[in-house]
PDB file of N, CA and C in Angstrom:
ATOM      1  N   UNK A   1     161.729  94.084 108.166  1.00  0.00           N
ATOM      2  CA  UNK A   1     160.823  94.482 108.851  1.00  0.00           C
ATOM      3  C   UNK A   1     159.508  95.071 107.764  1.00  0.00           C
ATOM      4  N   UNK A   2     159.986  95.182 106.443  1.00  0.00           N
ATOM      5  CA  UNK A   2     159.023  95.745 105.442  1.00  0.00           C
ATOM      6  C   UNK A   2     157.910  94.505 105.199  1.00  0.00           C
ATOM      7  N   UNK A   3     158.280  93.289 105.252  1.00  0.00           N
ATOM      8  CA  UNK A   3     157.351  92.268 105.250  1.00  0.00           C
ATOM      9  C   UNK A   3     156.356  92.061 106.460  1.00  0.00           C
ATOM     10  N   UNK A   4     156.743  92.678 107.502  1.00  0.00           N
ATOM     11  CA  UNK A   4     155.916  92.574 108.646  1.00  0.00           C
ATOM     12  C   UNK A   4     154.602  93.512 108.477  1.00  0.00           C
ATOM     13  N   UNK A   5     154.750  94.567 107.742  1.00  0.00           N
ATOM     14  CA  UNK A   5     153.535  95.474 107.587  1.00  0.00           C
ATOM     15  C   UNK A   5     152.912  95.254 106.219  1.00  0.00           C
ATOM     16  N   UNK A   6     153.404  94.246 105.419  1.00  0.00           N
ATOM     17  CA  UNK A   6     152.614  94.014 104.294  1.00  0.00           C
ATOM     18  C   UNK A   6     151.287  93.514 104.228  1.00  0.00           C
ATOM     19  N   UNK A   7     150.445  94.076 103.213  1.00  0.00           N
ATOM     20  CA  UNK A   7     149.052  93.690 103.329  1.00  0.00           C
ATOM     21  C   UNK A   7     148.728  92.350 103.269  1.00  0.00           C
ATOM     22  N   UNK A   8     147.887  91.539 104.250  1.00  0.00           N
ATOM     23  CA  UNK A   8     147.664  90.204 104.353  1.00  0.00           C
ATOM     24  C   UNK A   8     146.213  89.996 104.420  1.00  0.00           C
ATOM     25  N   UNK A   9     145.499  90.832 104.248  1.00  0.00           N
ATOM     26  CA  UNK A   9     143.908  90.407 104.203  1.00  0.00           C
ATOM     27  C   UNK A   9     143.323  90.564 102.783  1.00  0.00           C
ATOM     28  N   UNK A  10     142.346  89.754 102.554  1.00  0.00           N
ATOM     29  CA  UNK A  10     141.505  89.893 101.345  1.00  0.00           C
ATOM     30  C   UNK A  10     140.312  91.004 101.679  1.00  0.00           C
ATOM     31  N   UNK A  11     139.731  91.046 100.612  1.00  0.00           N
ATOM     32  CA  UNK A  11     138.420  91.978 100.842  1.00  0.00           C
ATOM     33  C   UNK A  11     137.598  91.636 101.889  1.00  0.00           C
ATOM     34  N   UNK A  12     137.064  90.179 101.932  1.00  0.00           N
ATOM     35  CA  UNK A  12     136.276  89.677 103.080  1.00  0.00           C
ATOM     36  C   UNK A  12     136.812  89.957 104.458  1.00  0.00           C
ATOM     37  N   UNK A  13     138.219  89.727 104.685  1.00  0.00           N
ATOM     38  CA  UNK A  13     138.724  90.092 105.872  1.00  0.00           C
ATOM     39  C   UNK A  13     138.732  91.448 106.280  1.00  0.00           C
ATOM     40  N   UNK A  14     138.995  92.329 105.275  1.00  0.00           N
ATOM     41  CA  UNK A  14     138.952  93.777 105.467  1.00  0.00           C
ATOM     42  C   UNK A  14     137.547  94.286 105.966  1.00  0.00           C
ATOM     43  N   UNK A  15     136.465  93.784 105.274  1.00  0.00           N
ATOM     44  CA  UNK A  15     135.100  93.862 105.607  1.00  0.00           C
ATOM     45  C   UNK A  15     134.775  93.477 107.043  1.00  0.00           C
ATOM     46  N   UNK A  16     135.222  92.310 107.373  1.00  0.00           N
ATOM     47  CA  UNK A  16     135.090  91.717 108.642  1.00  0.00           C
ATOM     48  C   UNK A  16     135.658  92.619 109.741  1.00  0.00           C
ATOM     49  N   UNK A  17     136.985  93.046 109.514  1.00  0.00           N
ATOM     50  CA  UNK A  17     137.607  93.830 110.413  1.00  0.00           C
ATOM     51  C   UNK A  17     136.925  95.187 110.587  1.00  0.00           C
ATOM     52  N   UNK A  18     136.457  95.802 109.487  1.00  0.00           N
ATOM     53  CA  UNK A  18     135.672  97.045 109.582  1.00  0.00           C
ATOM     54  C   UNK A  18     134.484  96.953 110.442  1.00  0.00           C
ATOM     55  N   UNK A  19     133.723  95.941 110.240  1.00  0.00           N
ATOM     56  CA  UNK A  19     132.457  95.776 110.892  1.00  0.00           C
ATOM     57  C   UNK A  19     132.786  95.486 112.446  1.00  0.00           C
ATOM     58  N   UNK A  20     133.532  94.700 112.751  1.00  0.00           N
ATOM     59  CA  UNK A  20     134.027  94.378 114.102  1.00  0.00           C
ATOM     60  C   UNK A  20     134.411  95.623 114.794  1.00  0.00           C
ATOM     61  N   UNK A  21     135.310  96.392 114.067  1.00  0.00           N
ATOM     62  CA  UNK A  21     135.856  97.554 114.577  1.00  0.00           C
ATOM     63  C   UNK A  21     134.700  98.571 114.865  1.00  0.00           C
ATOM     64  N   UNK A  22     133.801  98.678 114.032  1.00  0.00           N
ATOM     65  CA  UNK A  22     132.695  99.653 114.296  1.00  0.00           C
ATOM     66  C   UNK A  22     131.895  99.496 115.375  1.00  0.00           C
ATOM     67  N   UNK A  23     131.593  98.037 115.553  1.00  0.00           N
ATOM     68  CA  UNK A  23     130.730  97.652 116.628  1.00  0.00           C
ATOM     69  C   UNK A  23     131.552  97.706 117.915  1.00  0.00           C
ATOM     70  N   UNK A  24     132.686  97.403 117.842  1.00  0.00           N
ATOM     71  CA  UNK A  24     133.480  97.641 119.400  1.00  0.00           C
ATOM     72  C   UNK A  24     133.679  99.158 119.508  1.00  0.00           C
ATOM     73  N   UNK A  25     133.897 100.003 118.448  1.00  0.00           N
ATOM     74  CA  UNK A  25     133.831 101.398 118.622  1.00  0.00           C
ATOM     75  C   UNK A  25     132.551 101.960 119.439  1.00  0.00           C
ATOM     76  N   UNK A  26     131.456 101.586 118.723  1.00  0.00           N
ATOM     77  CA  UNK A  26     130.183 101.988 119.209  1.00  0.00           C
ATOM     78  C   UNK A  26     129.906 101.556 120.683  1.00  0.00           C
ATOM     79  N   UNK A  27     130.092 100.306 120.938  1.00  0.00           N
ATOM     80  CA  UNK A  27     129.970  99.491 122.339  1.00  0.00           C
ATOM     81  C   UNK A  27     130.873 100.276 123.246  1.00  0.00           C
ATOM     82  N   UNK A  28     132.084 100.756 122.854  1.00  0.00           N
ATOM     83  CA  UNK A  28     132.994 101.351 123.745  1.00  0.00           C
ATOM     84  C   UNK A  28     132.488 102.792 124.180  1.00  0.00           C
ATOM     85  N   UNK A  29     132.018 103.475 123.155  1.00  0.00           N
ATOM     86  CA  UNK A  29     131.477 104.785 123.528  1.00  0.00           C
ATOM     87  C   UNK A  29     130.119 104.793 124.279  1.00  0.00           C
ATOM     88  N   UNK A  30     129.469 103.579 124.166  1.00  0.00           N
ATOM     89  CA  UNK A  30     128.135 103.549 124.953  1.00  0.00           C
ATOM     90  C   UNK A  30     128.722 102.942 126.657  1.00  0.00           C
ATOM     91  N   UNK A  31     129.828 102.252 126.546  1.00  0.00           N
ATOM     92  CA  UNK A  31     130.255 101.723 127.860  1.00  0.00           C
ATOM     93  C   UNK A  31     131.043 102.763 128.772  1.00  0.00           C
ATOM     94  N   UNK A  32     131.502 103.703 128.110  1.00  0.00           N
ATOM     95  CA  UNK A  32     132.171 104.788 128.853  1.00  0.00           C
ATOM     96  C   UNK A  32     131.554 105.277 130.006  1.00  0.00           C
ATOM     97  N   UNK A  33     130.095 105.393 129.908  1.00  0.00           N
ATOM     98  CA  UNK A  33     129.207 105.948 130.956  1.00  0.00           C
ATOM     99  C   UNK A  33     129.293 105.051 132.090  1.00  0.00           C
ATOM    100  N   UNK A  34     129.108 103.770 131.768  1.00  0.00           N
ATOM    101  CA  UNK A  34     129.083 102.798 132.774  1.00  0.00           C
ATOM    102  C   UNK A  34     130.504 102.403 133.487  1.00  0.00           C
ATOM    103  N   UNK A  35     131.658 102.188 132.635  1.00  0.00           N
ATOM    104  CA  UNK A  35     132.767 101.844 133.308  1.00  0.00           C
ATOM    105  C   UNK A  35     133.911 102.401 132.195  1.00  0.00           C
ATOM    106  N   UNK A  36     134.590 103.215 132.750  1.00  0.00           N
ATOM    107  CA  UNK A  36     135.532 104.115 132.075  1.00  0.00           C
ATOM    108  C   UNK A  36     136.617 103.270 131.406  1.00  0.00           C
ATOM    109  N   UNK A  37     137.184 102.255 132.152  1.00  0.00           N
ATOM    110  CA  UNK A  37     138.311 101.501 131.626  1.00  0.00           C
ATOM    111  C   UNK A  37     137.629 100.467 130.648  1.00  0.00           C
ATOM    112  N   UNK A  38     136.494  99.966 130.815  1.00  0.00           N
ATOM    113  CA  UNK A  38     136.030  99.012 129.988  1.00  0.00           C
ATOM    114  C   UNK A  38     135.599  99.621 128.634  1.00  0.00           C
ATOM    115  N   UNK A  39     135.091 100.720 128.798  1.00  0.00           N
ATOM    116  CA  UNK A  39     134.805 101.503 127.564  1.00  0.00           C
ATOM    117  C   UNK A  39     135.950 101.800 126.659  1.00  0.00           C
ATOM    118  N   UNK A  40     137.025 102.346 127.470  1.00  0.00           N
ATOM    119  CA  UNK A  40     138.427 102.770 126.736  1.00  0.00           C
ATOM    120  C   UNK A  40     139.023 101.589 126.079  1.00  0.00           C
ATOM    121  N   UNK A  41     138.797 100.346 126.650  1.00  0.00           N
ATOM    122  CA  UNK A  41     139.295  99.119 125.983  1.00  0.00           C
ATOM    123  C   UNK A  41     138.663  98.908 124.793  1.00  0.00           C
ATOM    124  N   UNK A  42     137.346  98.964 124.806  1.00  0.00           N
ATOM    125  CA  UNK A  42     136.703  98.638 123.659  1.00  0.00           C
ATOM    126  C   UNK A  42     136.782  99.806 122.495  1.00  0.00           C
ATOM    127  N   UNK A  43     137.020 100.912 123.030  1.00  0.00           N
ATOM    128  CA  UNK A  43     137.363 102.094 121.879  1.00  0.00           C
ATOM    129  C   UNK A  43     138.704 101.714 121.268  1.00  0.00           C
ATOM    130  N   UNK A  44     139.577 101.343 122.114  1.00  0.00           N
ATOM    131  CA  UNK A  44     141.067 101.037 121.623  1.00  0.00           C
ATOM    132  C   UNK A  44     140.971  99.911 120.739  1.00  0.00           C
ATOM    133  N   UNK A  45     140.425  98.858 120.948  1.00  0.00           N
ATOM    134  CA  UNK A  45     140.108  97.728 120.171  1.00  0.00           C
ATOM    135  C   UNK A  45     139.366  97.968 118.860  1.00  0.00           C
ATOM    136  N   UNK A  46     138.319  98.939 118.800  1.00  0.00           N
ATOM    137  CA  UNK A  46     137.649  99.113 117.679  1.00  0.00           C
ATOM    138  C   UNK A  46     138.488  99.973 116.794  1.00  0.00           C
ATOM    139  N   UNK A  47     139.214 101.032 117.375  1.00  0.00           N
ATOM    140  CA  UNK A  47     140.011 101.668 116.613  1.00  0.00           C
ATOM    141  C   UNK A  47     141.212 100.893 115.887  1.00  0.00           C
ATOM    142  N   UNK A  48     141.818  99.909 116.645  1.00  0.00           N
ATOM    143  CA  UNK A  48     142.768  99.228 115.946  1.00  0.00           C
ATOM    144  C   UNK A  48     142.274  98.229 114.902  1.00  0.00           C
ATOM    145  N   UNK A  49     141.115  97.660 115.096  1.00  0.00           N
ATOM    146  CA  UNK A  49     140.500  96.894 114.138  1.00  0.00           C
ATOM    147  C   UNK A  49     140.149  97.685 112.804  1.00  0.00           C
ATOM    148  N   UNK A  50     139.630  98.901 113.051  1.00  0.00           N
ATOM    149  CA  UNK A  50     139.345  99.645 111.896  1.00  0.00           C
ATOM    150  C   UNK A  50     140.640 100.186 111.103  1.00  0.00           C
ATOM    151  N   UNK A  51     141.752 100.408 111.805  1.00  0.00           N
ATOM    152  CA  UNK A  51     143.061 100.629 111.151  1.00  0.00           C
ATOM    153  C   UNK A  51     143.420  99.404 110.376  1.00  0.00           C
ATOM    154  N   UNK A  52     143.385  98.297 111.007  1.00  0.00           N
ATOM    155  CA  UNK A  52     143.741  96.835 110.311  1.00  0.00           C
ATOM    156  C   UNK A  52     142.837  96.867 108.942  1.00  0.00           C
ATOM    157  N   UNK A  53     141.407  97.195 109.014  1.00  0.00           N
ATOM    158  CA  UNK A  53     140.650  97.034 107.873  1.00  0.00           C
ATOM    159  C   UNK A  53     141.157  98.127 106.647  1.00  0.00           C
ATOM    160  N   UNK A  54     141.634  99.380 107.214  1.00  0.00           N
ATOM    161  CA  UNK A  54     142.062 100.432 106.158  1.00  0.00           C
ATOM    162  C   UNK A  54     143.251 100.007 105.681  1.00  0.00           C
ATOM    163  N   UNK A  55     144.226  99.429 106.306  1.00  0.00           N
ATOM    164  CA  UNK A  55     145.366  98.962 105.899  1.00  0.00           C
ATOM    165  C   UNK A  55     145.457  97.686 104.991  1.00  0.00           C
ATOM    166  N   UNK A  56     144.463  96.900 105.409  1.00  0.00           N
ATOM    167  CA  UNK A  56     144.676  95.461 104.938  1.00  0.00           C
ATOM    168  C   UNK A  56     145.492  94.522 105.525  1.00  0.00           C
ATOM    169  N   UNK A  57     145.769  94.831 106.717  1.00  0.00           N
ATOM    170  CA  UNK A  57     146.838  94.231 107.427  1.00  0.00           C
ATOM    171  C   UNK A  57     146.261  93.641 108.765  1.00  0.00           C
ATOM    172  N   UNK A  58     146.789  92.357 109.203  1.00  0.00           N
ATOM    173  CA  UNK A  58     146.318  91.687 110.401  1.00  0.00           C
ATOM    174  C   UNK A  58     147.497  91.296 111.079  1.00  0.00           C
ATOM    175  N   UNK A  59     147.443  91.724 112.399  1.00  0.00           N
ATOM    176  CA  UNK A  59     148.452  91.263 113.339  1.00  0.00           C
ATOM    177  C   UNK A  59     148.457  89.783 113.720  1.00  0.00           C
ATOM    178  N   UNK A  60     147.192  89.181 113.719  1.00  0.00           N
ATOM    179  CA  UNK A  60     147.205  87.737 113.885  1.00  0.00           C
ATOM    180  C   UNK A  60     147.737  87.059 112.759  1.00  0.00           C
ATOM    181  N   UNK A  61     147.510  87.462 111.573  1.00  0.00           N
ATOM    182  CA  UNK A  61     148.130  86.792 110.365  1.00  0.00           C
ATOM    183  C   UNK A  61     149.606  87.141 110.216  1.00  0.00           C
ATOM    184  N   UNK A  62     150.152  88.035 110.876  1.00  0.00           N
ATOM    185  CA  UNK A  62     151.628  88.265 110.804  1.00  0.00           C
ATOM    186  C   UNK A  62     152.266  87.120 111.788  1.00  0.00           C
ATOM    187  N   UNK A  63     151.687  86.799 112.828  1.00  0.00           N
ATOM    188  CA  UNK A  63     152.193  85.950 113.786  1.00  0.00           C
ATOM    189  C   UNK A  63     151.754  84.532 113.653  1.00  0.00           C
ATOM    190  N   UNK A  64     150.778  84.344 112.743  1.00  0.00           N
ATOM    191  CA  UNK A  64     150.424  82.873 112.503  1.00  0.00           C
ATOM    192  C   UNK A  64     150.070  82.849 111.058  1.00  0.00           C
ATOM    193  N   UNK A  65     151.049  82.817 110.304  1.00  0.00           N
ATOM    194  CA  UNK A  65     150.934  82.927 108.829  1.00  0.00           C
ATOM    195  C   UNK A  65     150.225  81.744 108.184  1.00  0.00           C
ATOM    196  N   UNK A  66     150.140  80.651 108.869  1.00  0.00           N
ATOM    197  CA  UNK A  66     149.393  79.424 108.537  1.00  0.00           C
ATOM    198  C   UNK A  66     148.034  79.382 108.915  1.00  0.00           C
ATOM    199  N   UNK A  67     147.541  80.336 109.241  1.00  0.00           N
ATOM    200  CA  UNK A  67     145.942  80.170 109.525  1.00  0.00           C
ATOM    201  C   UNK A  67     145.202  79.957 108.559  1.00  0.00           C
ATOM    202  N   UNK A  68     144.109  79.150 108.702  1.00  0.00           N
ATOM    203  CA  UNK A  68     143.456  78.450 107.629  1.00  0.00           C
ATOM    204  C   UNK A  68     142.448  79.624 107.066  1.00  0.00           C
ATOM    205  N   UNK A  69     142.351  79.847 105.894  1.00  0.00           N
ATOM    206  CA  UNK A  69     141.518  80.759 105.247  1.00  0.00           C
ATOM    207  C   UNK A  69     140.122  80.226 104.989  1.00  0.00           C
ATOM    208  N   UNK A  70     139.084  80.795 105.711  1.00  0.00           N
ATOM    209  CA  UNK A  70     137.706  79.967 105.514  1.00  0.00           C
ATOM    210  C   UNK A  70     136.982  80.491 104.117  1.00  0.00           C
ATOM    211  N   UNK A  71     137.270  81.768 104.206  1.00  0.00           N
ATOM    212  CA  UNK A  71     136.550  82.440 102.783  1.00  0.00           C
ATOM    213  C   UNK A  71     137.642  82.585 101.723  1.00  0.00           C
ATOM    214  N   UNK A  72     137.202  82.063 100.504  1.00  0.00           N
ATOM    215  CA  UNK A  72     138.098  82.103  99.452  1.00  0.00           C
ATOM    216  C   UNK A  72     137.740  83.325  98.408  1.00  0.00           C
TER     217      UNK A  72
END
């Protein structure tokens, strides 16, 4: 189980997750007024992406370890 939570993101991936998480979080806060469920979904996704960025860990990379690395 310790390999499951081992950091698997590089700096560029962490930055991308942080930006994506911030955008989703802001969009979720704005959308809560229009649609509560959609807003909460965006907030949850944004918070999860920010946690991934802070930890350097990606759920997608855990289940698909042979994903192609675009940025080196």
